[in-house]
Amino acid sequence: MWYATFHDLTTYATMLAMAEGRTSWLNPTLGGLPADVAVLPHVLGAWAIQALSPWLTPAFAARLPFVLLLAGTLTLVWYATFHLARTEAAQPLAFAFGGEAAPLDYARALADGALLATIASLGLLQLGHETTPELAQLCGVALWLWALAAAPYRETRSRVVAVLALPALACSGAPAVGVALGAVAVLICARSAYRQVHRLTPWWLVSTALAALAAWGLGAWHWRVNLPDQSSEVLDIVKLLFWFTWPLWPMACWTLWQWRRQWLRRHISIPLGALLVGLLTSLFMGGSDRALMLALPGLAVLAAFALPTLRRSAGALIDWFSVFFFSIAALAVWVIYSSMHWGVPAKPMANILRLAPGFVPSFSALALTAAALGTVAWLWLVRWRTSRHRHPLWKSLVLPASGVALAWLLTMTLWLPVLDYARSPTPWVQAIAKTIPAGQCVRALGLSRVQVAALEAMGPYEVRADAGAETASANCPWWVVNTKADQAAAAVPGWQLQGEARRPTDRQEKLLIYRQTTP
């Protein structure tokens, strides 16, 4: 059972505890400590576990709502771009003798470009497959974007979505983002020349008020401002902005320059508002990549509007960078896979064993077939893109989006066993299981939140992270202590050392296992 990040495992453990009735749904706890205040995504995962657990494993069932959230985000970005591109100000100038693209065909082409731009962003590759509240927040931003974009054409639906979007953001752990987007939406609607959009103003006011009330009721208001105070931190933020939003940011900058006299037009102002809110949120949180992900929908829409005016040289630069970067990455994956299974070349496998002692490769014919087909498809796309045939408007985004998909596919097939062994807490949970029987009560001292989550979800144990050795209880006779790897086991009155556990890839810490001798 592999998790993309520690946030992923913590979220899953909380949802599992909710589904099994071990914690409150509105105020969940993990090991006795307060969990994330993002109630909505946790509730969705817990519902999926309860509804599908007879047929699917809890870990797989919990992921399905987040897969749907990602699919919904991509769909909403497509339709938002489609409606924005239909407006008169966004349409290309008509040729003197005709022959220009039909308005709907032009709008569909730009919508396709926005969809590919979203998929192509490296930030979505990093965080888009997680089971975390940020994916629900991303869908909330896409709902906001669609409600404003579709208002001239889908007035009733836009009102319903507007009322739901901001409270959903607040219940997903981003109340400040919801309120900020509400203020931007009110400003855009109040000055809009479209009567349908102007009439949407009070609905956004209601949505903003509901978001603030929902956050207050759930206790979701927290001060998270962490402005950078050192030059190194500022440099880290700049690096994050550069790679996380590639290749969207150069195209978005080109759009803002080409449309610099029309920033107040809705096809620019709406995605620009979403981009600025996400960007400022990330900056105020010290360069948070999870907050920056909320800027991707607006950034993707702006990038799409660069396609009609993108110079051929710029498109070629994006193409060749994508071919070079993703081809080299794919080749590296295949070389390491060959080393793991056939010993050629030998150096990569030796490095893996040095970093992850005890790792044994496992072969999967299905994974190998999927990876091979994906690689062949990538080579075919490169050949298609470099041919001399006439290409659609979104041609410059095909290779970046396909490269991201290829990187994800190869990582989740060829590299999955080694990533599972290196990053998963399974090895030390299995080591603990040799000493502590499943279902026992375990006190946790100095354990991180993800370690507590691993014990609860994978043990499974009843974990009390708020109880130390001084807490007398005959019903909780086990105690796990987190220490540094070079520290010797200390004698604790009333407790007897039973063993230790550690992850094979972590040389910095070890867990000591004690059993209570005197209640």
Protein backbone atom coordinates (compact mmCIF):
# COMPACT_ATOMS: atom_id res chain seq x y z
CA MET A 1 0.00 0.00 0.00
CA TRP A 2 1.85 3.09 -1.28
CA TYR A 3 1.05 6.71 -0.49
CA ALA A 4 2.26 9.65 -2.53
CA THR A 5 3.19 11.76 0.50
CA PHE A 6 2.89 11.78 4.25
CA HIS A 7 -0.13 14.09 3.86
CA ASP A 8 -1.71 11.33 1.80
CA LEU A 9 -1.35 8.72 4.53
CA THR A 10 -2.50 11.09 7.29
CA THR A 11 -5.65 11.98 5.37
CA TYR A 12 -6.43 8.33 4.68
CA ALA A 13 -5.96 7.34 8.33
CA THR A 14 -8.37 10.08 9.41
CA MET A 15 -10.98 9.00 6.85
CA LEU A 16 -10.64 5.37 7.93
CA ALA A 17 -11.12 6.33 11.58
CA MET A 18 -14.25 8.28 10.66
CA ALA A 19 -15.66 5.43 8.57
CA GLU A 20 -15.05 2.91 11.38
CA GLY A 21 -16.64 5.15 13.99
CA ARG A 22 -13.45 5.69 15.99
CA THR A 23 -13.65 9.48 15.79
CA SER A 24 -16.13 12.30 15.23
CA TRP A 25 -16.98 13.31 11.68
CA LEU A 26 -17.09 17.04 12.41
CA ASN A 27 -14.13 17.15 14.82
CA PRO A 28 -11.92 14.21 13.83
CA THR A 29 -8.88 13.21 15.84
CA LEU A 30 -5.89 11.03 15.06
CA GLY A 31 -4.33 9.25 17.99
CA GLY A 32 -6.19 11.57 20.34
CA LEU A 33 -4.79 14.70 18.65
CA PRO A 34 -6.94 17.08 16.56
CA ALA A 35 -6.78 16.22 12.87
CA ASP A 36 -7.10 18.45 9.80
CA VAL A 37 -10.05 20.85 9.83
CA ALA A 38 -10.82 20.10 6.17
CA VAL A 39 -14.07 18.30 6.93
CA LEU A 40 -15.57 17.96 3.44
CA PRO A 41 -12.84 15.86 1.75
CA HIS A 42 -12.55 13.63 4.81
CA VAL A 43 -16.31 13.07 4.81
CA LEU A 44 -16.24 12.17 1.10
CA GLY A 45 -13.50 9.61 1.69
CA ALA A 46 -15.23 8.14 4.75
CA TRP A 47 -18.50 7.80 2.84
CA ALA A 48 -16.72 6.02 0.00
CA ILE A 49 -15.08 3.60 2.43
CA GLN A 50 -18.41 2.80 4.07
CA ALA A 51 -20.27 2.41 0.78
CA LEU A 52 -17.64 0.41 -1.13
CA SER A 53 -15.73 -1.49 1.55
CA PRO A 54 -17.60 -4.78 0.95
CA TRP A 55 -16.24 -4.81 -2.63
CA LEU A 56 -13.12 -2.63 -2.51
CA THR A 57 -10.30 -2.22 -0.03
CA PRO A 58 -10.63 0.91 2.13
CA ALA A 59 -7.46 2.43 0.67
CA PHE A 60 -8.75 2.08 -2.90
CA ALA A 61 -12.29 3.18 -2.02
CA ALA A 62 -11.01 6.34 -0.33
CA ARG A 63 -9.23 7.37 -3.52
CA LEU A 64 -12.26 7.21 -5.81
CA PRO A 65 -13.87 10.52 -4.69
CA PHE A 66 -10.56 12.29 -5.27
CA VAL A 67 -10.25 10.77 -8.74
CA LEU A 68 -13.70 12.21 -9.47
CA LEU A 69 -12.65 15.58 -8.04
CA LEU A 70 -9.66 15.69 -10.38
CA ALA A 71 -11.82 14.69 -13.35
CA GLY A 72 -14.36 17.34 -12.35
CA THR A 73 -11.63 19.97 -12.15
CA LEU A 74 -10.42 19.19 -15.67
CA THR A 75 -13.99 19.25 -17.00
CA LEU A 76 -14.78 22.56 -15.32
CA VAL A 77 -11.60 24.16 -16.68
CA TRP A 78 -12.56 23.04 -20.20
CA TYR A 79 -16.08 24.47 -20.00
CA ALA A 80 -14.94 27.67 -18.28
CA THR A 81 -12.47 28.33 -21.09
CA PHE A 82 -15.09 27.45 -23.69
CA HIS A 83 -17.56 30.01 -22.31
CA LEU A 84 -14.90 32.70 -21.90
CA ALA A 85 -13.68 32.18 -25.48
CA ARG A 86 -17.24 32.63 -26.78
CA THR A 87 -17.42 36.25 -25.63
CA GLU A 88 -17.03 38.86 -28.35
CA ALA A 89 -13.87 40.42 -26.90
CA ALA A 90 -12.10 37.06 -26.91
CA GLN A 91 -12.90 36.20 -30.53
CA PRO A 92 -10.25 36.73 -33.23
CA LEU A 93 -10.61 39.53 -35.75
CA ALA A 94 -12.61 38.60 -38.82
CA PHE A 95 -10.68 38.34 -42.08
CA ALA A 96 -11.53 40.72 -44.88
CA PHE A 97 -12.64 37.89 -47.16
CA GLY A 98 -13.74 35.39 -44.50
CA GLY A 99 -12.14 32.06 -43.75
CA GLU A 100 -11.60 32.58 -40.03
CA ALA A 101 -12.55 29.88 -37.55
CA ALA A 102 -16.18 29.63 -36.48
CA PRO A 103 -16.76 31.08 -32.98
CA LEU A 104 -17.71 27.74 -31.42
CA ASP A 105 -14.85 25.89 -33.11
CA TYR A 106 -12.42 28.56 -31.91
CA ALA A 107 -13.81 28.29 -28.37
CA ARG A 108 -13.51 24.50 -28.38
CA ALA A 109 -9.91 24.70 -29.59
CA LEU A 110 -8.97 27.07 -26.77
CA ALA A 111 -10.83 24.87 -24.27
CA ASP A 112 -8.81 21.89 -25.47
CA GLY A 113 -5.68 23.96 -24.98
CA ALA A 114 -6.65 24.86 -21.40
CA LEU A 115 -7.31 21.20 -20.61
CA LEU A 116 -3.91 20.17 -21.97
CA ALA A 117 -2.26 23.06 -20.12
CA THR A 118 -3.73 21.89 -16.83
CA ILE A 119 -2.52 18.34 -17.41
CA ALA A 120 0.91 19.60 -18.53
CA SER A 121 1.66 21.55 -15.34
CA LEU A 122 4.40 19.92 -13.29
CA GLY A 123 2.64 20.99 -10.11
CA LEU A 124 -0.39 18.87 -10.90
CA LEU A 125 1.94 15.94 -11.64
CA GLN A 126 3.35 16.25 -8.13
CA LEU A 127 0.16 16.76 -6.13
CA GLY A 128 -2.79 15.95 -8.38
CA HIS A 129 -2.87 12.20 -7.59
CA GLU A 130 -2.96 12.58 -3.80
CA THR A 131 -5.83 11.84 -1.46
CA THR A 132 -5.58 15.21 0.28
CA PRO A 133 -7.88 18.21 0.94
CA GLU A 134 -5.99 20.31 -1.61
CA LEU A 135 -7.63 18.38 -4.44
CA ALA A 136 -11.07 19.32 -3.11
CA GLN A 137 -9.88 22.94 -2.86
CA LEU A 138 -8.68 22.79 -6.47
CA CYS A 139 -12.13 21.63 -7.58
CA GLY A 140 -13.68 24.47 -5.57
CA VAL A 141 -11.56 27.02 -7.45
CA ALA A 142 -12.60 25.41 -10.75
CA LEU A 143 -16.26 25.71 -9.68
CA TRP A 144 -15.71 29.42 -8.99
CA LEU A 145 -14.11 29.83 -12.39
CA TRP A 146 -16.96 28.06 -14.20
CA ALA A 147 -19.71 29.96 -12.37
CA LEU A 148 -18.31 33.32 -13.50
CA ALA A 149 -17.45 32.15 -17.03
CA ALA A 150 -20.81 30.51 -17.75
CA ALA A 151 -23.00 33.22 -16.18
CA PRO A 152 -24.01 34.89 -19.51
CA TYR A 153 -25.11 31.53 -20.93
CA ARG A 154 -26.13 29.42 -17.90
CA GLU A 155 -27.56 31.96 -15.48
CA THR A 156 -29.55 29.62 -13.21
CA ARG A 157 -26.84 26.99 -12.99
CA SER A 158 -24.25 29.67 -12.33
CA ARG A 159 -26.21 30.90 -9.32
CA VAL A 160 -26.42 27.42 -7.84
CA VAL A 161 -22.72 26.76 -8.39
CA ALA A 162 -21.78 30.19 -7.03
CA VAL A 163 -23.61 29.52 -3.77
CA LEU A 164 -21.92 26.11 -3.40
CA ALA A 165 -18.35 26.89 -4.52
CA LEU A 166 -17.13 29.13 -1.69
CA PRO A 167 -18.64 27.16 1.24
CA ALA A 168 -17.09 24.05 -0.31
CA LEU A 169 -13.70 25.78 -0.24
CA ALA A 170 -14.22 26.78 3.40
CA CYS A 171 -15.21 23.24 4.38
CA SER A 172 -12.16 21.90 2.54
CA GLY A 173 -9.71 23.86 4.68
CA ALA A 174 -9.31 27.06 2.62
CA PRO A 175 -11.74 29.63 4.09
CA ALA A 176 -9.47 32.61 3.43
CA VAL A 177 -9.16 31.61 -0.23
CA GLY A 178 -12.95 31.30 -0.44
CA VAL A 179 -13.54 34.75 1.02
CA ALA A 180 -10.86 36.30 -1.22
CA LEU A 181 -12.37 34.69 -4.32
CA GLY A 182 -15.78 35.93 -3.19
CA ALA A 183 -14.49 39.51 -3.05
CA VAL A 184 -12.96 39.15 -6.52
CA ALA A 185 -16.19 37.69 -7.90
CA VAL A 186 -18.28 40.54 -6.46
CA LEU A 187 -15.93 43.09 -8.02
CA ILE A 188 -16.07 41.40 -11.43
CA CYS A 189 -19.85 41.00 -11.40
CA ALA A 190 -20.52 44.52 -10.15
CA ARG A 191 -18.75 46.11 -13.12
CA SER A 192 -19.76 43.58 -15.78
CA ALA A 193 -21.64 44.76 -18.87
CA TYR A 194 -23.55 41.47 -19.02
CA ARG A 195 -26.84 41.73 -17.17
CA GLN A 196 -26.77 38.04 -16.27
CA VAL A 197 -23.34 38.45 -14.71
CA HIS A 198 -24.32 41.67 -12.93
CA ARG A 199 -27.35 39.93 -11.40
CA LEU A 200 -24.98 37.31 -9.98
CA THR A 201 -23.51 39.82 -7.49
CA PRO A 202 -25.87 39.13 -4.54
CA TRP A 203 -25.40 35.40 -4.99
CA TRP A 204 -21.66 35.79 -4.53
CA LEU A 205 -22.26 37.91 -1.45
CA VAL A 206 -24.42 35.14 0.00
CA SER A 207 -21.81 32.51 -0.91
CA THR A 208 -19.04 34.52 0.75
CA ALA A 209 -21.09 34.94 3.92
CA LEU A 210 -21.90 31.21 3.99
CA ALA A 211 -18.19 30.38 3.54
CA ALA A 212 -17.24 32.60 6.49
CA LEU A 213 -19.99 31.12 8.68
CA ALA A 214 -19.07 27.54 7.73
CA ALA A 215 -15.42 28.18 8.59
CA TRP A 216 -16.41 29.73 11.90
CA GLY A 217 -18.70 26.82 12.76
CA LEU A 218 -16.03 24.23 11.95
CA GLY A 219 -13.22 26.15 13.62
CA ALA A 220 -11.37 26.39 10.34
CA TRP A 221 -10.00 29.91 10.79
CA HIS A 222 -6.27 29.66 11.48
CA TRP A 223 -3.42 32.13 11.12
CA ARG A 224 -1.04 30.54 8.61
CA VAL A 225 0.91 33.59 7.41
CA ASN A 226 4.61 32.80 7.19
CA LEU A 227 6.30 35.48 5.12
CA PRO A 228 9.87 34.75 4.01
CA ASP A 229 12.46 36.68 6.01
CA GLN A 230 15.68 35.44 4.39
CA SER A 231 17.03 35.77 0.88
CA SER A 232 17.38 31.98 0.60
CA GLU A 233 13.67 31.56 1.29
CA VAL A 234 12.83 34.12 -1.39
CA LEU A 235 15.06 32.23 -3.85
CA ASP A 236 13.30 28.96 -2.98
CA ILE A 237 9.93 30.59 -3.71
CA VAL A 238 11.17 31.84 -7.08
CA LYS A 239 12.41 28.35 -7.97
CA LEU A 240 9.06 26.90 -6.93
CA LEU A 241 7.16 29.34 -9.13
CA PHE A 242 9.45 28.56 -12.05
CA TRP A 243 9.17 24.76 -12.11
CA PHE A 244 5.80 24.17 -10.43
CA THR A 245 3.88 26.15 -13.03
CA TRP A 246 5.92 25.13 -16.09
CA PRO A 247 5.05 25.40 -19.00
CA LEU A 248 2.05 27.56 -18.09
CA TRP A 249 3.76 30.64 -16.71
CA PRO A 250 5.57 31.79 -19.90
CA MET A 251 2.38 31.34 -21.93
CA ALA A 252 0.31 33.18 -19.32
CA CYS A 253 2.82 36.05 -19.33
CA TRP A 254 2.55 36.19 -23.11
CA THR A 255 -1.25 36.35 -22.85
CA LEU A 256 -1.09 39.23 -20.37
CA TRP A 257 1.26 41.11 -22.68
CA GLN A 258 -0.71 40.49 -25.86
CA TRP A 259 -4.01 41.38 -24.18
CA ARG A 260 -2.55 44.16 -22.01
CA ARG A 261 -5.22 46.64 -23.09
CA GLN A 262 -8.03 44.24 -22.22
CA TRP A 263 -7.16 43.10 -18.69
CA LEU A 264 -10.60 44.23 -17.53
CA ARG A 265 -12.32 42.03 -20.11
CA ARG A 266 -13.90 38.98 -18.55
CA HIS A 267 -11.83 36.40 -20.46
CA ILE A 268 -8.71 37.90 -18.84
CA SER A 269 -9.98 39.31 -15.53
CA ILE A 270 -11.68 36.10 -14.35
CA PRO A 271 -8.70 33.70 -14.71
CA LEU A 272 -6.33 36.48 -13.62
CA GLY A 273 -8.34 36.89 -10.40
CA ALA A 274 -8.08 33.16 -9.65
CA LEU A 275 -4.36 33.23 -10.43
CA LEU A 276 -3.63 36.19 -8.14
CA VAL A 277 -5.55 34.73 -5.19
CA GLY A 278 -3.69 31.42 -5.44
CA LEU A 279 -0.34 33.10 -5.97
CA LEU A 280 -0.72 35.53 -3.05
CA THR A 281 -1.92 32.73 -0.79
CA SER A 282 1.19 30.73 -1.59
CA LEU A 283 3.46 33.73 -0.96
CA PHE A 284 1.82 34.57 2.36
CA MET A 285 2.24 30.92 3.41
CA GLY A 286 5.97 31.01 2.79
CA GLY A 287 5.89 29.53 -0.69
CA SER A 288 3.47 26.66 -0.09
CA ASP A 289 3.26 24.43 -3.14
CA ARG A 290 -0.16 23.19 -2.02
CA ALA A 291 -1.52 26.73 -1.99
CA LEU A 292 0.14 27.44 -5.34
CA MET A 293 -1.73 24.51 -6.88
CA LEU A 294 -4.94 26.54 -6.47
CA ALA A 295 -3.58 29.02 -9.03
CA LEU A 296 -3.33 26.36 -11.75
CA PRO A 297 -6.90 26.60 -13.15
CA GLY A 298 -6.64 30.35 -13.73
CA LEU A 299 -3.11 29.98 -15.05
CA ALA A 300 -4.20 27.26 -17.49
CA VAL A 301 -7.00 29.42 -18.89
CA LEU A 302 -4.62 32.35 -19.39
CA ALA A 303 -2.11 30.03 -21.07
CA ALA A 304 -4.80 28.85 -23.50
CA PHE A 305 -5.45 32.40 -24.69
CA ALA A 306 -1.79 32.66 -25.68
CA LEU A 307 -2.19 29.94 -28.31
CA PRO A 308 -3.68 32.11 -31.13
CA THR A 309 -0.80 34.60 -30.91
CA LEU A 310 2.03 32.31 -29.82
CA ARG A 311 5.02 32.67 -32.07
CA ARG A 312 6.27 29.63 -33.90
CA SER A 313 9.68 29.87 -32.26
CA ALA A 314 8.12 29.86 -28.78
CA GLY A 315 6.04 26.80 -29.62
CA ALA A 316 9.12 25.03 -30.97
CA LEU A 317 11.02 25.85 -27.77
CA ILE A 318 8.28 24.29 -25.63
CA ASP A 319 8.17 21.25 -27.92
CA TRP A 320 11.91 20.60 -27.89
CA PHE A 321 12.20 21.16 -24.16
CA SER A 322 9.37 18.66 -23.59
CA VAL A 323 10.93 16.10 -25.95
CA PHE A 324 14.33 16.45 -24.30
CA PHE A 325 13.17 16.53 -20.69
CA PHE A 326 10.57 13.75 -20.75
CA SER A 327 12.54 11.50 -23.10
CA ILE A 328 15.58 11.67 -20.82
CA ALA A 329 13.34 11.05 -17.79
CA ALA A 330 11.71 8.03 -19.49
CA LEU A 331 15.11 6.66 -20.50
CA ALA A 332 16.34 6.98 -16.91
CA VAL A 333 13.32 5.06 -15.63
CA TRP A 334 13.87 2.26 -18.13
CA VAL A 335 17.60 2.05 -17.38
CA ILE A 336 16.98 1.73 -13.66
CA TYR A 337 14.22 -0.82 -14.27
CA SER A 338 16.60 -2.85 -16.43
CA SER A 339 19.21 -2.70 -13.70
CA MET A 340 16.73 -3.91 -11.08
CA HIS A 341 15.50 -6.92 -13.05
CA TRP A 342 18.31 -7.90 -15.43
CA GLY A 343 21.38 -6.38 -13.77
CA VAL A 344 22.32 -4.28 -16.81
CA PRO A 345 23.78 -1.82 -16.05
CA ALA A 346 24.78 -2.87 -12.53
CA LYS A 347 25.47 0.54 -10.98
CA PRO A 348 21.83 1.77 -10.55
CA MET A 349 20.81 -1.37 -8.63
CA ALA A 350 23.88 -1.04 -6.42
CA ASN A 351 22.88 2.53 -5.60
CA ILE A 352 19.33 1.41 -4.79
CA LEU A 353 20.58 -1.27 -2.40
CA ARG A 354 22.86 1.27 -0.75
CA LEU A 355 19.95 3.68 -0.16
CA ALA A 356 17.30 1.01 0.49
CA PRO A 357 19.00 -2.05 2.06
CA GLY A 358 17.07 -5.27 1.74
CA PHE A 359 15.00 -4.25 -1.29
CA VAL A 360 14.00 -7.18 -3.53
CA PRO A 361 12.56 -6.30 -6.99
CA SER A 362 9.20 -7.80 -7.91
CA PHE A 363 8.17 -8.38 -11.52
CA SER A 364 4.72 -7.51 -12.90
CA ALA A 365 3.86 -8.35 -16.51
CA LEU A 366 0.87 -5.98 -16.42
CA ALA A 367 3.00 -3.05 -15.24
CA LEU A 368 5.67 -3.78 -17.87
CA THR A 369 3.06 -3.95 -20.65
CA ALA A 370 1.42 -0.67 -19.61
CA ALA A 371 4.79 1.08 -19.42
CA ALA A 372 5.85 -0.24 -22.83
CA LEU A 373 2.60 0.85 -24.48
CA GLY A 374 2.88 4.30 -22.90
CA THR A 375 6.44 4.68 -24.17
CA VAL A 376 5.43 3.65 -27.70
CA ALA A 377 2.57 6.16 -27.60
CA TRP A 378 5.02 8.89 -26.55
CA LEU A 379 7.33 8.11 -29.48
CA TRP A 380 4.36 8.21 -31.86
CA LEU A 381 3.28 11.61 -30.50
CA VAL A 382 6.78 13.01 -30.93
CA ARG A 383 6.81 11.81 -34.54
CA TRP A 384 3.33 13.26 -35.15
CA ARG A 385 4.24 16.63 -33.65
CA THR A 386 7.48 16.95 -35.63
CA SER A 387 5.83 16.03 -38.94
CA ARG A 388 4.88 18.61 -41.55
CA HIS A 389 1.16 18.04 -41.33
CA ARG A 390 -1.22 20.83 -40.36
CA HIS A 391 -1.71 20.82 -36.60
CA PRO A 392 -4.58 22.15 -34.45
CA LEU A 393 -4.38 25.33 -32.38
CA TRP A 394 -3.43 23.46 -29.19
CA LYS A 395 -0.44 21.71 -30.82
CA SER A 396 2.13 23.37 -28.53
CA LEU A 397 0.64 21.74 -25.44
CA VAL A 398 0.38 18.18 -26.70
CA LEU A 399 3.93 17.12 -25.85
CA PRO A 400 4.06 18.75 -22.37
CA ALA A 401 0.75 17.14 -21.38
CA SER A 402 1.70 13.77 -22.86
CA GLY A 403 5.12 13.92 -21.20
CA VAL A 404 3.56 14.48 -17.79
CA ALA A 405 1.19 11.55 -18.38
CA LEU A 406 4.15 9.36 -19.45
CA ALA A 407 6.18 10.32 -16.38
CA TRP A 408 3.28 9.46 -14.09
CA LEU A 409 2.63 6.14 -15.88
CA LEU A 410 6.25 4.98 -15.76
CA THR A 411 6.63 5.98 -12.13
CA MET A 412 3.45 4.16 -11.08
CA THR A 413 4.37 0.99 -12.97
CA LEU A 414 8.13 0.45 -13.24
CA TRP A 415 9.18 2.31 -10.10
CA LEU A 416 6.25 1.52 -7.84
CA PRO A 417 7.88 -1.39 -5.91
CA VAL A 418 11.02 0.54 -5.00
CA LEU A 419 9.04 3.67 -4.10
CA ASP A 420 6.73 1.58 -1.96
CA TYR A 421 9.69 0.06 -0.15
CA ALA A 422 11.56 3.35 0.27
CA ARG A 423 8.73 5.71 1.23
CA SER A 424 6.08 3.53 2.80
CA PRO A 425 6.05 3.04 6.59
CA THR A 426 5.08 -0.61 6.01
CA PRO A 427 8.52 -2.06 6.96
CA TRP A 428 8.64 -0.57 10.44
CA VAL A 429 4.94 -1.19 11.03
CA GLN A 430 5.61 -4.86 10.19
CA ALA A 431 8.58 -4.79 12.56
CA ILE A 432 6.35 -3.42 15.33
CA ALA A 433 3.73 -6.07 14.54
CA LYS A 434 6.27 -8.79 15.42
CA THR A 435 6.26 -7.46 18.98
CA ILE A 436 2.85 -5.84 19.50
CA PRO A 437 -0.25 -7.84 18.50
CA ALA A 438 -2.80 -6.07 16.30
CA GLY A 439 -5.60 -4.24 18.06
CA GLN A 440 -3.55 -3.37 21.14
CA CYS A 441 -3.47 0.08 22.71
CA VAL A 442 -0.18 1.87 22.03
CA ARG A 443 1.06 5.07 23.59
CA ALA A 444 3.11 7.24 21.22
CA LEU A 445 5.78 9.60 22.47
CA GLY A 446 7.60 11.83 19.99
CA LEU A 447 5.98 10.17 16.97
CA SER A 448 5.14 12.34 14.01
CA ARG A 449 1.60 12.64 12.75
CA VAL A 450 2.33 10.35 9.82
CA GLN A 451 3.76 7.69 12.16
CA VAL A 452 0.62 7.87 14.28
CA ALA A 453 -1.45 7.58 11.09
CA ALA A 454 0.56 4.54 9.97
CA LEU A 455 0.03 2.76 13.31
CA GLU A 456 -3.70 3.44 13.26
CA ALA A 457 -4.34 2.62 9.61
CA MET A 458 -1.82 -0.16 8.95
CA GLY A 459 -1.39 -1.76 12.40
CA PRO A 460 -4.12 -1.47 13.21
CA TYR A 461 -3.63 -0.20 16.76
CA GLU A 462 -5.45 2.05 19.15
CA VAL A 463 -2.95 4.89 19.34
CA ARG A 464 -2.81 7.49 22.09
CA ALA A 465 -0.43 10.16 20.89
CA ASP A 466 -1.38 12.43 23.79
CA ALA A 467 -0.33 9.87 26.45
CA GLY A 468 3.22 9.37 27.73
CA ALA A 469 4.83 6.97 30.14
CA GLU A 470 3.59 8.90 33.14
CA THR A 471 -0.04 8.17 32.18
CA ALA A 472 -1.04 5.18 34.29
CA SER A 473 -3.40 2.82 32.48
CA ALA A 474 -3.53 -0.96 32.54
CA ASN A 475 -5.59 -0.83 29.34
CA CYS A 476 -2.74 0.69 27.33
CA PRO A 477 0.31 -1.45 28.12
CA TRP A 478 2.50 -0.65 25.09
CA TRP A 479 4.66 2.39 24.51
CA VAL A 480 6.51 3.39 21.31
CA VAL A 481 9.18 6.06 21.62
CA ASN A 482 10.84 7.91 18.76
CA THR A 483 14.59 8.41 19.30
CA LYS A 484 17.65 9.22 17.26
CA ALA A 485 19.42 6.30 15.62
CA ASP A 486 22.62 6.74 17.65
CA GLN A 487 20.87 6.87 21.04
CA ALA A 488 20.95 3.82 23.29
CA ALA A 489 17.75 2.45 24.79
CA ALA A 490 17.03 4.12 28.11
CA ALA A 491 15.72 2.30 31.15
CA VAL A 492 12.26 3.57 32.12
CA PRO A 493 10.81 2.71 35.53
CA GLY A 494 7.78 0.47 35.17
CA TRP A 495 8.53 -0.32 31.52
CA GLN A 496 10.55 -3.09 29.91
CA LEU A 497 12.23 -2.74 26.50
CA GLN A 498 10.84 -5.31 24.05
CA GLY A 499 12.53 -4.33 20.79
CA GLU A 500 13.06 -1.62 18.19
CA ALA A 501 11.95 -0.82 14.66
CA ARG A 502 13.07 1.49 11.89
CA ARG A 503 12.59 2.12 8.21
CA PRO A 504 15.35 0.66 6.01
CA THR A 505 15.81 4.01 4.23
CA ASP A 506 15.84 6.18 7.37
CA ARG A 507 19.14 6.29 9.23
CA GLN A 508 18.22 9.23 11.42
CA GLU A 509 15.73 7.69 13.82
CA LYS A 510 14.51 4.47 15.37
CA LEU A 511 11.47 3.46 17.39
CA LEU A 512 11.86 1.80 20.78
CA ILE A 513 9.08 -0.54 21.90
CA TYR A 514 8.33 -0.82 25.63
CA ARG A 515 5.82 -2.89 27.57
CA GLN A 516 4.36 -1.85 30.89
CA THR A 517 5.43 -4.06 33.79
CA THR A 518 3.62 -2.25 36.63
CA PRO A 519 0.14 -0.80 35.98
